[in-house]
Amino acid sequence: MSPAGPDWLLPDSLWWDGRLRTGVALGPARPAAGAGSVTEAGAVTQAGAAEAGSVTQAGAAEAGSVTQAGAAEAGSVTRAGPVAGAGAVAGASAVAGAGAFGGRVVVPVAEVPAGAARRRLPGTVLPGLRDAHVHSALVDLPTVRAGGISSVWDLGGVPAKVAAEAARGAPAVRFAGPFLIAPGGYPGDRSWAPAGSCREVLSAADAAAAVDEAHGGGATLIKVTAHAGGPMLSDATLAAVVEAAHAVTLPVVVHAEGPGTVAAALAAGADVLAHTPWTEALDDGLIRDCAARMTWISTLDIHGWGTATPEREVALGNLRRFLGHGGKVRYGTDLGNGPLPPGINPRELAALLEAGLSPADVLAAATDPDQGEPAWLPAGLDLEPATFAGSLATARVLGPHVRPR
């Protein structure tokens, strides 16, 4: 059963795969096997499916579907436009399949089964909104969900507490477990980091044990810190953490702050930067190399929280060049870090537009068709750049309790 209930959803419009669609409905379940069935990697396996616009296993990563080894890349966007989801034509008539909207199938309204329960929704439905940088120890996740976010990435916390938050399921939580840090390193030296939220990695030989502990606790991401000005993992130890994580198909997210840290993360083979770099303008060659194989999480609004600051301008400049080289970005806010709204952050959305993304690009960066409940905008989706951020900020999680007249 879909988390949004067993009924068919009939919105005025539906955003999926980079465009608005009308005259379609969201069904309660995935298509049956044989009609565009889905493997664990998210690829469509039906014979001939590639001709119908679906994704084969070999090409899943390029189309934005989630593979175990490439999950960090899936669903992010480049300046050229949103990455298409792993959508297949399910059977003869479905508009979308493989993983769209948490497993719901999308079909023309005329093909909703006779007698099926229907929930009519004015406005627009879109895949669930995801914040890819949250610290659940520092915020109230039910409040975040009430603010329109249906899934989050928790990037550092006390493992057992984060796992307990994930087990609640609302919002859906993907988590990294503890911060992996150098002995005495950041953020173990900060008062805001709860006791037990950091795990010191003593050496390259200790890296595999640290990763195994996080993985055993349910982590599907690994978070490492590289913070200049204090103790940092050696290049060999950082590379060993990445190697151990990749051995169990977990992407590595690095908090890179200060001179040399981005280059160190890239050289180690890390997959994601937790923040757009903001401490200095990066060398263009380094940005180009990052764009070739890294995803950056935006977190632009932490630099001033709506007020112009030098750090915000540096981050925007780095992100513009990263996108210009084809880099991939995810919407994330570092929620818990200062006075950020506990939900959709229109200032973060506006900053992404300022960096050069289109509204369609921002939607691809901020939505997750494979995790969490869909989002609903009662007044519809406004794609005009000047009003887009405010429009998207009205979204609410489309749970079973949402039953408009």
Protein backbone atom coordinates (compact mmCIF):
# COMPACT_ATOMS: atom_id res chain seq x y z
CA MET A 1 0.00 0.00 0.00
CA SER A 2 1.28 3.45 -0.85
CA PRO A 3 1.86 5.73 2.15
CA ALA A 4 -0.63 8.15 0.59
CA GLY A 5 -3.46 5.59 0.81
CA PRO A 6 -5.06 2.94 -1.43
CA ASP A 7 -7.11 5.40 -3.51
CA TRP A 8 -6.39 6.91 -6.93
CA LEU A 9 -5.25 10.54 -6.89
CA LEU A 10 -6.71 12.80 -9.57
CA PRO A 11 -4.90 16.18 -9.54
CA ASP A 12 -5.59 19.06 -11.90
CA SER A 13 -1.96 18.71 -13.01
CA LEU A 14 1.00 16.50 -12.27
CA TRP A 15 4.71 17.39 -12.40
CA TRP A 16 6.86 14.48 -13.48
CA ASP A 17 9.97 13.93 -15.56
CA GLY A 18 10.59 17.60 -16.19
CA ARG A 19 7.14 18.78 -17.29
CA LEU A 20 3.56 19.39 -16.21
CA ARG A 21 1.01 16.82 -17.28
CA THR A 22 -2.77 17.05 -17.21
CA GLY A 23 -5.43 14.37 -17.56
CA VAL A 24 -3.46 11.77 -15.62
CA ALA A 25 -4.01 9.96 -12.32
CA LEU A 26 -1.73 8.42 -9.71
CA GLY A 27 -2.55 4.83 -8.92
CA PRO A 28 -1.91 3.09 -5.60
CA ALA A 29 0.70 0.54 -6.68
CA ARG A 30 3.57 -0.24 -9.01
CA PRO A 31 2.77 -1.88 -12.34
CA ALA A 32 2.64 -5.66 -12.27
CA ALA A 33 5.69 -7.72 -13.17
CA GLY A 34 5.95 -8.07 -16.92
CA ALA A 35 4.52 -4.61 -17.51
CA GLY A 36 7.69 -2.70 -16.84
CA SER A 37 8.79 -4.49 -13.67
CA VAL A 38 11.39 -2.99 -11.39
CA THR A 39 14.63 -4.50 -10.15
CA GLU A 40 16.43 -3.55 -6.93
CA ALA A 41 18.57 -1.16 -8.93
CA GLY A 42 15.49 0.67 -10.19
CA ALA A 43 15.99 -0.34 -13.83
CA VAL A 44 13.20 -1.61 -16.05
CA THR A 45 13.78 -5.14 -17.22
CA GLN A 46 10.90 -5.79 -19.62
CA ALA A 47 12.13 -6.91 -23.04
CA GLY A 48 12.12 -3.99 -25.42
CA ALA A 49 11.54 -1.48 -22.66
CA ALA A 50 14.32 0.80 -23.84
CA GLU A 51 12.33 1.61 -26.97
CA ALA A 52 9.45 2.72 -24.77
CA GLY A 53 11.59 5.30 -23.00
CA SER A 54 12.60 3.23 -19.99
CA VAL A 55 16.02 2.60 -18.51
CA THR A 56 18.09 -0.53 -18.94
CA GLN A 57 20.32 -1.69 -16.13
CA ALA A 58 23.45 -0.60 -17.95
CA GLY A 59 22.15 2.94 -18.45
CA ALA A 60 20.29 3.47 -15.21
CA ALA A 61 22.75 5.93 -13.69
CA GLU A 62 22.67 8.22 -16.72
CA ALA A 63 18.89 8.42 -16.59
CA GLY A 64 18.79 9.31 -12.92
CA SER A 65 17.52 6.03 -11.51
CA VAL A 66 18.88 4.81 -8.20
CA THR A 67 21.46 2.06 -8.33
CA GLN A 68 23.09 0.80 -5.15
CA ALA A 69 26.52 1.99 -6.23
CA GLY A 70 25.38 5.30 -7.71
CA ALA A 71 22.62 6.41 -5.40
CA ALA A 72 24.30 9.72 -4.60
CA GLU A 73 24.06 10.81 -8.21
CA ALA A 74 20.42 9.87 -8.78
CA GLY A 75 17.92 12.66 -9.09
CA SER A 76 20.40 15.51 -9.11
CA VAL A 77 20.46 18.05 -11.91
CA THR A 78 22.85 19.83 -14.21
CA ARG A 79 22.41 23.32 -15.58
CA ALA A 80 21.40 21.76 -18.89
CA GLY A 81 18.20 20.48 -17.34
CA PRO A 82 16.67 17.93 -15.00
CA VAL A 83 17.83 14.34 -15.07
CA ALA A 84 14.99 12.18 -16.32
CA GLY A 85 13.64 9.68 -13.83
CA ALA A 86 13.68 5.96 -14.51
CA GLY A 87 10.23 6.12 -16.06
CA ALA A 88 8.93 3.31 -18.23
CA VAL A 89 5.74 2.83 -20.13
CA ALA A 90 4.05 0.23 -17.92
CA GLY A 91 2.17 -2.12 -20.18
CA ALA A 92 0.34 -0.36 -22.97
CA SER A 93 -0.88 2.78 -21.28
CA ALA A 94 0.94 3.91 -18.14
CA VAL A 95 2.63 7.28 -18.37
CA ALA A 96 5.24 6.56 -15.72
CA GLY A 97 6.49 3.53 -13.86
CA ALA A 98 9.72 2.47 -12.20
CA GLY A 99 9.74 4.23 -8.86
CA ALA A 100 7.74 7.32 -9.82
CA PHE A 101 5.97 8.85 -6.83
CA GLY A 102 7.09 6.24 -4.36
CA GLY A 103 5.87 3.37 -6.51
CA ARG A 104 2.54 4.77 -7.69
CA VAL A 105 1.76 4.16 -11.34
CA VAL A 106 0.68 7.11 -13.50
CA VAL A 107 -2.05 6.50 -16.09
CA PRO A 108 -4.53 8.54 -18.14
CA VAL A 109 -7.60 9.42 -16.08
CA ALA A 110 -9.78 7.51 -18.54
CA GLU A 111 -8.02 4.30 -17.51
CA VAL A 112 -8.64 4.53 -13.77
CA PRO A 113 -10.46 1.25 -12.94
CA ALA A 114 -14.21 1.51 -12.66
CA GLY A 115 -15.32 1.69 -9.05
CA ALA A 116 -11.86 2.58 -7.71
CA ALA A 117 -11.73 5.00 -4.80
CA ARG A 118 -10.79 8.43 -6.13
CA ARG A 119 -9.38 11.50 -4.40
CA ARG A 120 -9.71 14.65 -6.51
CA LEU A 121 -7.06 17.28 -5.85
CA PRO A 122 -7.20 20.87 -7.08
CA GLY A 123 -3.79 22.24 -8.01
CA THR A 124 -0.61 20.29 -8.73
CA VAL A 125 0.91 17.09 -7.36
CA LEU A 126 4.66 16.51 -7.67
CA PRO A 127 7.16 13.97 -6.29
CA GLY A 128 7.95 14.37 -2.62
CA LEU A 129 10.24 17.25 -1.67
CA ARG A 130 13.57 16.24 -0.14
CA ASP A 131 16.03 18.21 1.98
CA ALA A 132 19.40 16.53 1.45
CA HIS A 133 21.11 18.12 4.47
CA VAL A 134 19.34 17.99 7.82
CA HIS A 135 20.40 17.29 11.41
CA SER A 136 17.43 15.70 13.15
CA ALA A 137 19.00 16.20 16.59
CA LEU A 138 18.70 19.95 16.10
CA VAL A 139 15.18 20.17 14.61
CA ASP A 140 11.73 18.65 15.06
CA LEU A 141 11.16 16.36 12.06
CA PRO A 142 7.33 16.30 12.32
CA THR A 143 7.44 20.09 12.05
CA VAL A 144 9.71 19.77 9.01
CA ARG A 145 7.16 17.43 7.42
CA ALA A 146 4.35 19.87 8.24
CA GLY A 147 6.41 22.45 6.34
CA GLY A 148 6.20 20.41 3.13
CA ILE A 149 9.29 18.16 3.25
CA SER A 150 8.52 14.45 2.85
CA SER A 151 12.07 13.05 3.00
CA VAL A 152 15.41 14.13 4.44
CA TRP A 153 19.02 13.10 4.52
CA ASP A 154 20.35 13.26 8.08
CA LEU A 155 24.05 14.06 7.69
CA GLY A 156 25.41 13.37 11.15
CA GLY A 157 23.94 12.46 14.51
CA VAL A 158 23.81 9.91 17.31
CA PRO A 159 23.33 6.64 15.40
CA ALA A 160 20.63 5.07 17.58
CA LYS A 161 18.64 8.30 17.79
CA VAL A 162 18.79 8.93 14.07
CA ALA A 163 17.77 5.32 13.37
CA ALA A 164 14.80 5.77 15.70
CA GLU A 165 13.75 8.90 13.79
CA ALA A 166 14.05 6.98 10.53
CA ALA A 167 11.86 4.18 11.90
CA ARG A 168 9.02 6.67 12.44
CA GLY A 169 8.82 7.14 8.68
CA ALA A 170 7.32 10.63 8.57
CA PRO A 171 9.24 12.22 7.03
CA ALA A 172 11.22 9.44 5.43
CA VAL A 173 14.83 9.58 6.63
CA ARG A 174 17.98 8.40 4.91
CA PHE A 175 20.91 8.83 7.28
CA ALA A 176 24.67 8.77 7.58
CA GLY A 177 24.97 7.80 11.23
CA PRO A 178 27.85 9.53 13.04
CA PHE A 179 30.26 12.12 11.72
CA LEU A 180 33.52 10.32 10.94
CA ILE A 181 36.26 12.66 12.17
CA ALA A 182 39.95 12.89 13.01
CA PRO A 183 40.79 12.50 16.71
CA GLY A 184 39.81 15.83 18.29
CA GLY A 185 38.45 17.09 14.96
CA TYR A 186 35.36 18.99 13.86
CA PRO A 187 32.57 18.85 14.97
CA GLY A 188 33.57 16.88 18.05
CA ASP A 189 34.90 20.17 19.42
CA ARG A 190 31.56 21.99 18.99
CA SER A 191 28.93 22.34 21.70
CA TRP A 192 26.07 21.79 19.26
CA ALA A 193 27.25 18.27 18.37
CA PRO A 194 25.48 15.85 20.76
CA ALA A 195 27.60 13.36 22.67
CA GLY A 196 27.90 10.19 20.61
CA SER A 197 27.34 11.92 17.27
CA CYS A 198 31.01 11.69 16.23
CA ARG A 199 33.20 8.65 15.66
CA GLU A 200 36.94 9.24 15.61
CA VAL A 201 38.81 7.33 12.90
CA LEU A 202 42.21 6.59 14.38
CA SER A 203 44.03 5.45 11.24
CA ALA A 204 43.60 4.08 7.74
CA ALA A 205 43.41 0.63 9.31
CA ASP A 206 40.47 1.80 11.47
CA ALA A 207 38.48 3.14 8.51
CA ALA A 208 36.77 -0.13 7.58
CA ALA A 209 35.63 -0.69 11.17
CA ALA A 210 34.16 2.82 11.34
CA VAL A 211 32.24 2.31 8.09
CA ASP A 212 31.04 -1.14 9.16
CA GLU A 213 29.70 0.27 12.43
CA ALA A 214 27.72 2.96 10.61
CA HIS A 215 26.46 0.52 8.01
CA GLY A 216 25.46 -1.97 10.68
CA GLY A 217 23.42 0.75 12.36
CA GLY A 218 21.39 1.30 9.22
CA ALA A 219 23.33 4.09 7.52
CA THR A 220 23.00 4.30 3.74
CA LEU A 221 25.42 7.23 3.52
CA ILE A 222 28.79 7.90 5.11
CA LYS A 223 29.61 11.41 6.36
CA VAL A 224 33.23 12.54 6.81
CA THR A 225 34.55 15.93 7.90
CA ALA A 226 37.51 17.82 6.45
CA HIS A 227 37.70 21.09 8.38
CA ALA A 228 40.85 23.17 7.97
CA GLY A 229 42.23 24.84 11.07
CA GLY A 230 41.85 21.77 13.26
CA PRO A 231 42.72 18.07 13.23
CA MET A 232 41.82 16.41 9.92
CA LEU A 233 42.01 12.87 8.60
CA SER A 234 45.15 12.21 6.61
CA ASP A 235 44.79 11.73 2.87
CA ALA A 236 45.43 7.99 3.33
CA THR A 237 42.77 7.66 6.04
CA LEU A 238 40.19 9.66 4.07
CA ALA A 239 40.85 7.48 1.02
CA ALA A 240 40.50 4.36 3.18
CA VAL A 241 37.10 5.54 4.45
CA VAL A 242 35.92 6.09 0.87
CA GLU A 243 37.24 2.70 -0.22
CA ALA A 244 35.50 0.94 2.67
CA ALA A 245 32.22 2.75 2.00
CA HIS A 246 32.28 1.99 -1.70
CA ALA A 247 32.97 -1.67 -0.91
CA VAL A 248 29.50 -1.84 0.66
CA THR A 249 27.99 0.47 -2.02
CA LEU A 250 27.57 3.50 0.25
CA PRO A 251 28.22 7.00 -1.14
CA VAL A 252 30.50 9.28 0.87
CA VAL A 253 29.48 12.84 1.78
CA VAL A 254 32.27 15.19 2.86
CA HIS A 255 31.98 18.37 4.89
CA ALA A 256 34.81 20.28 3.19
CA GLU A 257 35.65 23.64 4.78
CA GLY A 258 38.82 25.59 4.19
CA PRO A 259 41.83 25.57 1.88
CA GLY A 260 42.69 22.22 0.34
CA THR A 261 39.68 20.35 1.67
CA VAL A 262 37.70 20.15 -1.58
CA ALA A 263 40.77 18.90 -3.43
CA ALA A 264 41.33 16.31 -0.69
CA ALA A 265 37.74 15.07 -0.92
CA LEU A 266 37.98 14.80 -4.69
CA ALA A 267 41.33 12.99 -4.58
CA ALA A 268 39.95 10.50 -2.07
CA GLY A 269 37.07 9.63 -4.41
CA ALA A 270 34.23 11.11 -2.35
CA ASP A 271 30.84 11.31 -4.06
CA VAL A 272 29.12 14.35 -2.53
CA LEU A 273 30.03 17.64 -0.86
CA ALA A 274 27.71 18.46 2.03
CA HIS A 275 27.92 22.17 1.17
CA THR A 276 28.66 24.31 -1.83
CA PRO A 277 32.23 25.50 -1.03
CA TRP A 278 32.16 28.99 0.45
CA THR A 279 35.47 29.81 2.10
CA GLU A 280 37.31 30.77 -1.09
CA ALA A 281 36.79 30.90 -4.85
CA LEU A 282 37.99 27.54 -6.13
CA ASP A 283 40.40 27.07 -8.99
CA ASP A 284 38.44 26.54 -12.18
CA GLY A 285 40.29 23.34 -12.97
CA LEU A 286 39.33 21.93 -9.57
CA ILE A 287 35.70 22.89 -10.14
CA ARG A 288 35.75 21.24 -13.55
CA ASP A 289 37.14 18.03 -12.04
CA CYS A 290 34.52 18.11 -9.27
CA ALA A 291 31.74 18.57 -11.84
CA ALA A 292 32.91 15.47 -13.70
CA ARG A 293 32.09 13.12 -10.84
CA MET A 294 30.72 14.84 -7.74
CA THR A 295 27.36 16.09 -6.55
CA TRP A 296 27.19 19.23 -4.40
CA ILE A 297 24.43 19.91 -1.87
CA SER A 298 23.44 23.57 -2.05
CA THR A 299 23.11 24.95 1.56
CA LEU A 300 23.43 28.52 0.25
CA ASP A 301 21.08 30.19 2.74
CA ILE A 302 23.23 29.37 5.79
CA HIS A 303 25.44 32.28 4.70
CA GLY A 304 23.43 35.20 6.01
CA TRP A 305 19.94 33.66 6.23
CA GLY A 306 18.56 36.13 3.74
CA THR A 307 21.21 38.82 4.15
CA ALA A 308 23.96 39.29 1.57
CA THR A 309 27.36 38.16 2.87
CA PRO A 310 30.78 37.61 1.27
CA GLU A 311 30.49 33.87 1.98
CA ARG A 312 27.18 33.68 0.12
CA GLU A 313 28.67 35.43 -2.91
CA VAL A 314 31.67 33.09 -2.95
CA ALA A 315 29.40 30.04 -2.73
CA LEU A 316 27.17 31.35 -5.53
CA GLY A 317 30.19 32.00 -7.73
CA ASN A 318 31.57 28.52 -7.15
CA LEU A 319 28.17 26.94 -7.83
CA ARG A 320 27.64 28.90 -11.05
CA ARG A 321 30.95 27.65 -12.43
CA PHE A 322 30.27 24.11 -11.18
CA LEU A 323 26.92 24.10 -13.01
CA GLY A 324 28.56 25.62 -16.06
CA HIS A 325 30.85 22.59 -16.20
CA GLY A 326 27.85 20.25 -16.01
CA GLY A 327 27.99 19.63 -12.26
CA LYS A 328 25.08 18.12 -10.35
CA VAL A 329 23.40 19.77 -7.38
CA ARG A 330 20.85 18.72 -4.79
CA TYR A 331 18.63 20.99 -2.74
CA GLY A 332 19.72 20.91 0.90
CA THR A 333 19.63 23.47 3.70
CA ASP A 334 21.75 22.24 6.65
CA LEU A 335 18.57 22.49 8.69
CA GLY A 336 19.44 22.99 12.34
CA ASN A 337 22.20 25.47 11.50
CA GLY A 338 20.76 28.84 12.48
CA PRO A 339 17.37 30.46 11.78
CA LEU A 340 16.27 28.38 8.79
CA PRO A 341 12.57 27.70 8.18
CA PRO A 342 11.59 24.18 9.34
CA GLY A 343 10.30 23.03 5.97
CA ILE A 344 10.64 24.28 2.41
CA ASN A 345 13.05 27.22 2.36
CA PRO A 346 12.08 29.76 -0.32
CA ARG A 347 15.39 31.61 0.19
CA GLU A 348 17.34 28.44 -0.71
CA LEU A 349 15.13 27.96 -3.78
CA ALA A 350 15.68 31.58 -4.85
CA ALA A 351 19.45 31.19 -4.39
CA LEU A 352 19.46 28.16 -6.70
CA LEU A 353 17.69 30.24 -9.34
CA GLU A 354 20.27 32.97 -8.79
CA ALA A 355 23.01 30.40 -9.38
CA GLY A 356 21.60 29.68 -12.82
CA LEU A 357 19.10 26.83 -12.44
CA SER A 358 15.69 27.08 -14.06
CA PRO A 359 12.55 26.32 -12.04
CA ALA A 360 12.43 22.90 -13.72
CA ASP A 361 16.04 22.27 -12.68
CA VAL A 362 15.26 23.27 -9.08
CA LEU A 363 12.32 20.88 -9.00
CA ALA A 364 14.54 18.04 -10.12
CA ALA A 365 17.13 18.97 -7.47
CA ALA A 366 14.51 19.15 -4.71
CA THR A 367 12.21 16.21 -5.43
CA ASP A 368 12.64 12.51 -4.84
CA PRO A 369 10.29 10.16 -6.73
CA ASP A 370 11.57 7.11 -4.86
CA GLN A 371 11.24 8.17 -1.23
CA GLY A 372 8.55 9.88 0.80
CA GLU A 373 4.99 10.90 0.07
CA PRO A 374 4.08 13.16 -2.87
CA ALA A 375 3.78 16.93 -2.50
CA TRP A 376 0.61 18.90 -3.19
CA LEU A 377 0.29 22.56 -4.17
CA PRO A 378 -3.40 23.51 -3.75
CA ALA A 379 -3.09 26.64 -5.91
CA GLY A 380 -1.03 24.91 -8.60
CA LEU A 381 2.61 25.23 -9.62
CA ASP A 382 3.89 28.61 -10.82
CA LEU A 383 6.95 28.18 -13.02
CA GLU A 384 7.65 31.89 -13.50
CA PRO A 385 11.13 32.53 -12.05
CA ALA A 386 10.05 35.64 -10.14
CA THR A 387 7.30 33.81 -8.25
CA PHE A 388 8.43 30.19 -8.38
CA ALA A 389 10.09 29.99 -4.96
CA GLY A 390 7.03 31.36 -3.17
CA SER A 391 4.79 29.01 -5.11
CA LEU A 392 6.79 25.89 -4.25
CA ALA A 393 6.98 26.94 -0.60
CA THR A 394 3.19 26.43 -0.38
CA ALA A 395 3.58 22.68 -0.99
CA ARG A 396 2.34 20.28 1.64
CA VAL A 397 2.96 16.57 2.07
CA LEU A 398 0.14 14.61 0.44
CA GLY A 399 -0.63 12.15 3.22
CA PRO A 400 -3.83 10.11 3.58
CA HIS A 401 -5.31 12.85 5.77
CA VAL A 402 -5.41 15.29 2.83
CA ARG A 403 -8.93 15.02 1.41
CA PRO A 404 -10.04 18.28 -0.22
CA ARG A 405 -13.67 18.84 -1.07
